[in-house]
Amino acid sequence: MAFRFRNGAAAPLDQELRNMLHHVSLGVADIERAARFYDAVLGALGYVRVWEDLSPGDDDQAVGYGLPGGGDKLAIELRGAGARAPGPGFHLAFAAPSRDAVAAFHAAALQHGGRSNGAAGLRPDYGPDYYAAFVVDADGHHIEAVINRAL
């Protein structure tokens, strides 16, 4: 038995359940600006657009991101001027393949309109090998890239 992602890609049940979350969606005020930002920051981590619905004038425009050939794990969805980031305490952490990728994520965020909330580096309060960078996108979403393993 396999579950299907929104783009139709199949994932075995045991893989889906190991991941806990199926996908997360973030509302954005400007889909084109947000897509440029997430193309860059997620691209630095090896993630790509796996689907898009960008019909001009359509109120339901969205872009999905995930691993190449897989389904979406993050979707950004146009919510217009009414888009609001979740309140204090919410942030989204993306798995990074390397410390260099964490640094590239941070640099890409700053180059594409994001604000630093903590440069790439070790975070010993979270663990001896916890290496992360924190940024805030133009819509106020707090996001992180992290690798948590010994070199």
C-alpha atoms as a PDB file:
ATOM      1  CA  MET A   1       0.000   0.000   0.000  1.00  0.00           C
ATOM      2  CA  ALA A   2       1.318   3.465  -0.857  1.00  0.00           C
ATOM      3  CA  PHE A   3       0.266   6.969   0.013  1.00  0.00           C
ATOM      4  CA  ARG A   4       0.256   9.596  -2.709  1.00  0.00           C
ATOM      5  CA  PHE A   5       1.680  13.072  -2.461  1.00  0.00           C
ATOM      6  CA  ARG A   6      -0.370  15.924  -3.921  1.00  0.00           C
ATOM      7  CA  ASN A   7       1.635  15.720  -7.163  1.00  0.00           C
ATOM      8  CA  GLY A   8       0.772  12.025  -7.514  1.00  0.00           C
ATOM      9  CA  ALA A   9       4.156  10.587  -6.473  1.00  0.00           C
ATOM     10  CA  ALA A  10       3.824   7.458  -4.332  1.00  0.00           C
ATOM     11  CA  ALA A  11       5.549   6.856  -0.995  1.00  0.00           C
ATOM     12  CA  PRO A  12       5.506   3.554   0.902  1.00  0.00           C
ATOM     13  CA  LEU A  13       3.406   3.658   4.071  1.00  0.00           C
ATOM     14  CA  ASP A  14       6.352   2.916   6.369  1.00  0.00           C
ATOM     15  CA  GLN A  15       8.325   5.818   4.876  1.00  0.00           C
ATOM     16  CA  GLU A  16       5.389   8.215   5.272  1.00  0.00           C
ATOM     17  CA  LEU A  17       4.833   7.265   8.894  1.00  0.00           C
ATOM     18  CA  ARG A  18       8.544   7.571   9.737  1.00  0.00           C
ATOM     19  CA  ASN A  19       8.454  11.171   8.558  1.00  0.00           C
ATOM     20  CA  MET A  20       5.597  12.101  10.961  1.00  0.00           C
ATOM     21  CA  LEU A  21       4.509  15.187   9.002  1.00  0.00           C
ATOM     22  CA  HIS A  22       3.078  14.732   5.532  1.00  0.00           C
ATOM     23  CA  HIS A  23       3.449  18.368   4.467  1.00  0.00           C
ATOM     24  CA  VAL A  24       3.270  21.935   5.730  1.00  0.00           C
ATOM     25  CA  SER A  25       1.742  24.941   3.955  1.00  0.00           C
ATOM     26  CA  LEU A  26       2.660  28.582   4.504  1.00  0.00           C
ATOM     27  CA  GLY A  27       0.487  31.491   3.399  1.00  0.00           C
ATOM     28  CA  VAL A  28       2.327  34.264   1.551  1.00  0.00           C
ATOM     29  CA  ALA A  29       1.341  37.750   0.417  1.00  0.00           C
ATOM     30  CA  ASP A  30       3.327  37.696  -2.862  1.00  0.00           C
ATOM     31  CA  ILE A  31       3.691  34.263  -4.479  1.00  0.00           C
ATOM     32  CA  GLU A  32       6.343  35.322  -6.999  1.00  0.00           C
ATOM     33  CA  ARG A  33       8.557  36.929  -4.340  1.00  0.00           C
ATOM     34  CA  ALA A  34       8.103  33.961  -2.012  1.00  0.00           C
ATOM     35  CA  ALA A  35       8.823  31.437  -4.788  1.00  0.00           C
ATOM     36  CA  ARG A  36      12.094  33.204  -5.659  1.00  0.00           C
ATOM     37  CA  PHE A  37      13.074  33.143  -1.972  1.00  0.00           C
ATOM     38  CA  TYR A  38      12.175  29.481  -1.411  1.00  0.00           C
ATOM     39  CA  ASP A  39      13.692  28.385  -4.748  1.00  0.00           C
ATOM     40  CA  ALA A  40      17.001  29.844  -3.517  1.00  0.00           C
ATOM     41  CA  VAL A  41      17.014  28.817   0.145  1.00  0.00           C
ATOM     42  CA  LEU A  42      15.605  25.336  -0.379  1.00  0.00           C
ATOM     43  CA  GLY A  43      17.758  24.852  -3.474  1.00  0.00           C
ATOM     44  CA  ALA A  44      20.807  25.387  -1.251  1.00  0.00           C
ATOM     45  CA  LEU A  45      19.644  22.335   0.729  1.00  0.00           C
ATOM     46  CA  GLY A  46      18.955  20.150  -2.330  1.00  0.00           C
ATOM     47  CA  TYR A  47      15.171  20.631  -2.438  1.00  0.00           C
ATOM     48  CA  VAL A  48      13.325  21.645  -5.625  1.00  0.00           C
ATOM     49  CA  ARG A  49       9.910  22.674  -6.889  1.00  0.00           C
ATOM     50  CA  VAL A  50       7.955  19.483  -7.374  1.00  0.00           C
ATOM     51  CA  TRP A  51       4.755  21.166  -8.557  1.00  0.00           C
ATOM     52  CA  GLU A  52       3.352  24.620  -9.163  1.00  0.00           C
ATOM     53  CA  ASP A  53       0.044  26.265  -9.918  1.00  0.00           C
ATOM     54  CA  LEU A  54       0.879  29.825 -10.929  1.00  0.00           C
ATOM     55  CA  SER A  55      -2.046  30.841 -13.115  1.00  0.00           C
ATOM     56  CA  PRO A  56      -1.940  34.666 -13.284  1.00  0.00           C
ATOM     57  CA  GLY A  57      -4.942  36.252 -11.604  1.00  0.00           C
ATOM     58  CA  ASP A  58      -5.866  33.021  -9.803  1.00  0.00           C
ATOM     59  CA  ASP A  59      -6.335  33.433  -6.042  1.00  0.00           C
ATOM     60  CA  ASP A  60      -5.206  29.841  -5.377  1.00  0.00           C
ATOM     61  CA  GLN A  61      -1.644  30.047  -6.702  1.00  0.00           C
ATOM     62  CA  ALA A  62       0.826  27.774  -4.944  1.00  0.00           C
ATOM     63  CA  VAL A  63       4.211  26.076  -5.254  1.00  0.00           C
ATOM     64  CA  GLY A  64       5.254  22.758  -3.685  1.00  0.00           C
ATOM     65  CA  TYR A  65       8.812  21.827  -2.676  1.00  0.00           C
ATOM     66  CA  GLY A  66      10.455  18.507  -1.891  1.00  0.00           C
ATOM     67  CA  LEU A  67      13.197  16.157  -2.977  1.00  0.00           C
ATOM     68  CA  PRO A  68      13.751  15.708  -6.722  1.00  0.00           C
ATOM     69  CA  GLY A  69      11.297  13.114  -8.032  1.00  0.00           C
ATOM     70  CA  GLY A  70       9.270  13.093  -4.813  1.00  0.00           C
ATOM     71  CA  GLY A  71       6.232  14.779  -3.402  1.00  0.00           C
ATOM     72  CA  ASP A  72       5.929  18.103  -1.664  1.00  0.00           C
ATOM     73  CA  LYS A  73       6.833  18.560   1.978  1.00  0.00           C
ATOM     74  CA  LEU A  74       6.390  22.343   1.933  1.00  0.00           C
ATOM     75  CA  ALA A  75       3.857  24.356  -0.035  1.00  0.00           C
ATOM     76  CA  ILE A  76       3.676  28.119  -0.233  1.00  0.00           C
ATOM     77  CA  GLU A  77       0.195  29.373  -1.020  1.00  0.00           C
ATOM     78  CA  LEU A  78      -0.974  32.820  -2.056  1.00  0.00           C
ATOM     79  CA  ARG A  79      -3.046  34.402   0.677  1.00  0.00           C
ATOM     80  CA  GLY A  80      -2.650  38.014  -0.447  1.00  0.00           C
ATOM     81  CA  ALA A  81      -2.526  40.975   1.892  1.00  0.00           C
ATOM     82  CA  GLY A  82      -4.280  38.962   4.593  1.00  0.00           C
ATOM     83  CA  ALA A  83      -1.369  36.509   4.930  1.00  0.00           C
ATOM     84  CA  ARG A  84      -0.032  36.350   8.472  1.00  0.00           C
ATOM     85  CA  ALA A  85       2.875  34.318   9.792  1.00  0.00           C
ATOM     86  CA  PRO A  86       2.179  32.073  12.788  1.00  0.00           C
ATOM     87  CA  GLY A  87       2.750  33.686  16.167  1.00  0.00           C
ATOM     88  CA  PRO A  88       5.765  33.561  18.466  1.00  0.00           C
ATOM     89  CA  GLY A  89       7.210  30.125  19.081  1.00  0.00           C
ATOM     90  CA  PHE A  90       6.553  28.710  15.601  1.00  0.00           C
ATOM     91  CA  HIS A  91       9.421  27.978  13.259  1.00  0.00           C
ATOM     92  CA  LEU A  92      10.135  25.420  10.579  1.00  0.00           C
ATOM     93  CA  ALA A  93      13.462  23.533  10.480  1.00  0.00           C
ATOM     94  CA  PHE A  94      14.714  21.985   7.242  1.00  0.00           C
ATOM     95  CA  ALA A  95      17.213  19.121   7.192  1.00  0.00           C
ATOM     96  CA  ALA A  96      20.511  20.081   5.584  1.00  0.00           C
ATOM     97  CA  PRO A  97      22.950  17.630   3.979  1.00  0.00           C
ATOM     98  CA  SER A  98      26.061  19.463   5.242  1.00  0.00           C
ATOM     99  CA  ARG A  99      27.340  22.445   7.169  1.00  0.00           C
ATOM    100  CA  ASP A 100      28.222  24.107   3.863  1.00  0.00           C
ATOM    101  CA  ALA A 101      24.578  23.753   2.820  1.00  0.00           C
ATOM    102  CA  VAL A 102      23.484  25.449   6.066  1.00  0.00           C
ATOM    103  CA  ALA A 103      25.780  28.391   5.276  1.00  0.00           C
ATOM    104  CA  ALA A 104      24.518  28.507   1.667  1.00  0.00           C
ATOM    105  CA  PHE A 105      20.913  28.527   2.946  1.00  0.00           C
ATOM    106  CA  HIS A 106      21.657  31.536   5.168  1.00  0.00           C
ATOM    107  CA  ALA A 107      23.465  33.417   2.379  1.00  0.00           C
ATOM    108  CA  ALA A 108      20.675  32.698  -0.131  1.00  0.00           C
ATOM    109  CA  ALA A 109      18.059  33.942   2.330  1.00  0.00           C
ATOM    110  CA  LEU A 110      19.859  37.252   2.818  1.00  0.00           C
ATOM    111  CA  GLN A 111      20.336  37.659  -0.953  1.00  0.00           C
ATOM    112  CA  HIS A 112      16.621  37.088  -1.576  1.00  0.00           C
ATOM    113  CA  GLY A 113      14.990  39.404   0.948  1.00  0.00           C
ATOM    114  CA  GLY A 114      15.254  37.373   4.141  1.00  0.00           C
ATOM    115  CA  ARG A 115      16.500  38.639   7.484  1.00  0.00           C
ATOM    116  CA  SER A 116      19.088  36.842   9.611  1.00  0.00           C
ATOM    117  CA  ASN A 117      17.920  35.481  12.927  1.00  0.00           C
ATOM    118  CA  GLY A 118      21.210  33.645  13.595  1.00  0.00           C
ATOM    119  CA  ALA A 119      24.136  33.015  11.247  1.00  0.00           C
ATOM    120  CA  ALA A 120      25.335  29.500  10.442  1.00  0.00           C
ATOM    121  CA  GLY A 121      27.164  27.959  13.372  1.00  0.00           C
ATOM    122  CA  LEU A 122      27.206  25.417  16.160  1.00  0.00           C
ATOM    123  CA  ARG A 123      24.413  25.657  18.716  1.00  0.00           C
ATOM    124  CA  PRO A 124      25.830  23.807  21.758  1.00  0.00           C
ATOM    125  CA  ASP A 125      22.679  24.544  23.770  1.00  0.00           C
ATOM    126  CA  TYR A 126      20.830  22.208  21.354  1.00  0.00           C
ATOM    127  CA  GLY A 127      23.555  19.531  21.258  1.00  0.00           C
ATOM    128  CA  PRO A 128      27.280  19.167  20.576  1.00  0.00           C
ATOM    129  CA  ASP A 129      26.852  18.682  16.810  1.00  0.00           C
ATOM    130  CA  TYR A 130      23.799  20.899  16.192  1.00  0.00           C
ATOM    131  CA  TYR A 131      24.824  23.226  13.338  1.00  0.00           C
ATOM    132  CA  ALA A 132      22.126  25.616  12.150  1.00  0.00           C
ATOM    133  CA  ALA A 133      21.201  28.966  10.635  1.00  0.00           C
ATOM    134  CA  PHE A 134      18.008  30.887  11.296  1.00  0.00           C
ATOM    135  CA  VAL A 135      16.233  33.368   9.012  1.00  0.00           C
ATOM    136  CA  VAL A 136      12.915  35.166   8.685  1.00  0.00           C
ATOM    137  CA  ASP A 137      11.295  35.411   5.238  1.00  0.00           C
ATOM    138  CA  ALA A 138       9.532  38.511   3.882  1.00  0.00           C
ATOM    139  CA  ASP A 139       6.191  37.230   5.221  1.00  0.00           C
ATOM    140  CA  GLY A 140       7.565  36.796   8.738  1.00  0.00           C
ATOM    141  CA  HIS A 141       7.947  32.995   8.734  1.00  0.00           C
ATOM    142  CA  HIS A 142      10.845  31.838  10.913  1.00  0.00           C
ATOM    143  CA  ILE A 143      12.810  29.088   9.189  1.00  0.00           C
ATOM    144  CA  GLU A 144      15.965  27.167   9.989  1.00  0.00           C
ATOM    145  CA  ALA A 145      18.405  24.864   8.224  1.00  0.00           C
ATOM    146  CA  VAL A 146      20.064  22.270  10.462  1.00  0.00           C
ATOM    147  CA  ILE A 147      22.414  19.329  10.398  1.00  0.00           C
ATOM    148  CA  ASN A 148      22.816  17.502  13.687  1.00  0.00           C
ATOM    149  CA  ARG A 149      25.571  14.941  13.337  1.00  0.00           C
ATOM    150  CA  ALA A 150      29.279  14.698  14.025  1.00  0.00           C
ATOM    151  CA  LEU A 151      31.688  15.432  11.206  1.00  0.00           C
END
